[in-house]
Amino acid sequence: GKTTSYILNHEQHHFDVSYLAAGIFIEKVKKAGLTMANCNTLLPKIYRECCDFMNKTQDDYDSQTKNGQLTDEQARWNAYFNSRVPLVIK
């Protein structure tokens, strides 16, 4: 009985964080100037940076919203995601 649109929205934003991290990864790879000589160094570095962003954002999101229990903070995060995640995946 705990499945509500509010809870589903909160959980959807966890997927949105992953989507944002993937987008950051793609942009960094495009700008990295990868070569055969540097790809084994640069790709793991970029991957770690994006995973760090994703993990920190996931933690910040849940801690600041108290897992969605703080409605004002949830509304602030909703606005953040709504401004950054394309409607295509919503």
Protein backbone atom coordinates (compact mmCIF):
# COMPACT_ATOMS: atom_id res chain seq x y z
CA GLY A 1 0.00 0.00 0.00
CA LYS A 2 3.00 2.31 -0.13
CA THR A 3 3.04 2.71 -3.91
CA THR A 4 2.01 6.27 -4.63
CA SER A 5 2.88 8.68 -7.40
CA TYR A 6 4.88 10.70 -4.85
CA ILE A 7 7.05 7.71 -3.93
CA LEU A 8 7.40 6.62 -7.54
CA ASN A 9 8.51 10.15 -8.45
CA HIS A 10 11.16 10.05 -5.72
CA GLU A 11 12.42 6.69 -6.97
CA GLN A 12 12.37 7.85 -10.61
CA HIS A 13 14.82 10.57 -9.68
CA HIS A 14 17.34 7.93 -8.61
CA PHE A 15 17.29 6.76 -12.22
CA ASP A 16 17.56 10.39 -13.33
CA VAL A 17 20.79 10.74 -11.35
CA SER A 18 22.22 7.79 -13.27
CA TYR A 19 21.04 9.33 -16.54
CA LEU A 20 22.76 12.62 -15.69
CA ALA A 21 25.97 10.82 -14.76
CA ALA A 22 25.90 8.94 -18.07
CA GLY A 23 25.44 12.22 -19.94
CA ILE A 24 28.38 13.76 -18.11
CA PHE A 25 30.47 10.70 -18.99
CA ILE A 26 29.60 11.00 -22.68
CA GLU A 27 30.43 14.72 -22.77
CA LYS A 28 33.75 14.21 -20.97
CA VAL A 29 34.72 11.39 -23.33
CA LYS A 30 33.89 13.55 -26.35
CA LYS A 31 36.09 16.37 -25.04
CA ALA A 32 38.93 14.18 -23.74
CA GLY A 33 40.88 13.86 -26.95
CA LEU A 34 41.23 10.12 -26.58
CA THR A 35 44.04 8.40 -28.43
CA MET A 36 45.34 4.86 -28.40
CA ALA A 37 48.15 6.11 -26.18
CA ASN A 38 46.01 7.77 -23.49
CA CYS A 39 42.67 5.92 -23.49
CA ASN A 40 43.74 3.34 -20.88
CA THR A 41 44.51 6.20 -18.51
CA LEU A 42 41.78 8.70 -19.37
CA LEU A 43 38.74 6.42 -19.61
CA PRO A 44 39.07 4.95 -16.10
CA LYS A 45 39.66 8.46 -14.71
CA ILE A 46 36.56 9.85 -16.42
CA TYR A 47 34.53 6.83 -15.34
CA ARG A 48 35.57 7.25 -11.70
CA GLU A 49 34.74 10.97 -11.78
CA CYS A 50 31.26 10.24 -13.12
CA CYS A 51 30.66 7.43 -10.63
CA ASP A 52 31.78 9.74 -7.83
CA PHE A 53 29.30 12.39 -9.06
CA MET A 54 26.54 9.79 -9.25
CA ASN A 55 27.20 8.33 -5.81
CA LYS A 56 27.49 11.74 -4.14
CA THR A 57 24.33 12.99 -5.83
CA GLN A 58 22.40 9.84 -4.86
CA ASP A 59 23.54 10.27 -1.24
CA ASP A 60 22.80 14.01 -1.19
CA TYR A 61 19.36 13.43 -2.71
CA ASP A 62 18.31 10.84 -0.15
CA SER A 63 19.86 12.59 2.84
CA GLN A 64 18.48 16.03 1.97
CA THR A 65 14.98 14.69 1.30
CA LYS A 66 15.15 12.10 4.10
CA ASN A 67 14.31 9.50 1.45
CA GLY A 68 11.48 11.69 0.17
CA GLN A 69 9.91 12.41 3.55
CA LEU A 70 10.73 16.15 3.49
CA THR A 71 8.29 17.48 0.91
CA ASP A 72 9.90 20.94 0.60
CA GLU A 73 13.31 19.43 -0.12
CA GLN A 74 11.72 16.90 -2.47
CA ALA A 75 10.10 19.78 -4.37
CA ARG A 76 13.49 21.49 -4.67
CA TRP A 77 15.05 18.32 -6.05
CA ASN A 78 12.06 17.80 -8.38
CA ALA A 79 12.77 21.22 -9.89
CA TYR A 80 16.47 20.36 -10.22
CA PHE A 81 15.73 17.15 -12.13
CA ASN A 82 12.94 18.68 -14.20
CA SER A 83 15.35 21.34 -15.44
CA ARG A 84 18.08 18.85 -16.35
CA VAL A 85 16.43 15.65 -17.56
CA PRO A 86 14.76 15.69 -20.98
CA LEU A 87 11.06 14.99 -21.09
CA VAL A 88 11.72 12.13 -23.52
CA ILE A 89 12.73 9.83 -20.68
CA LYS A 90 10.00 10.93 -18.27
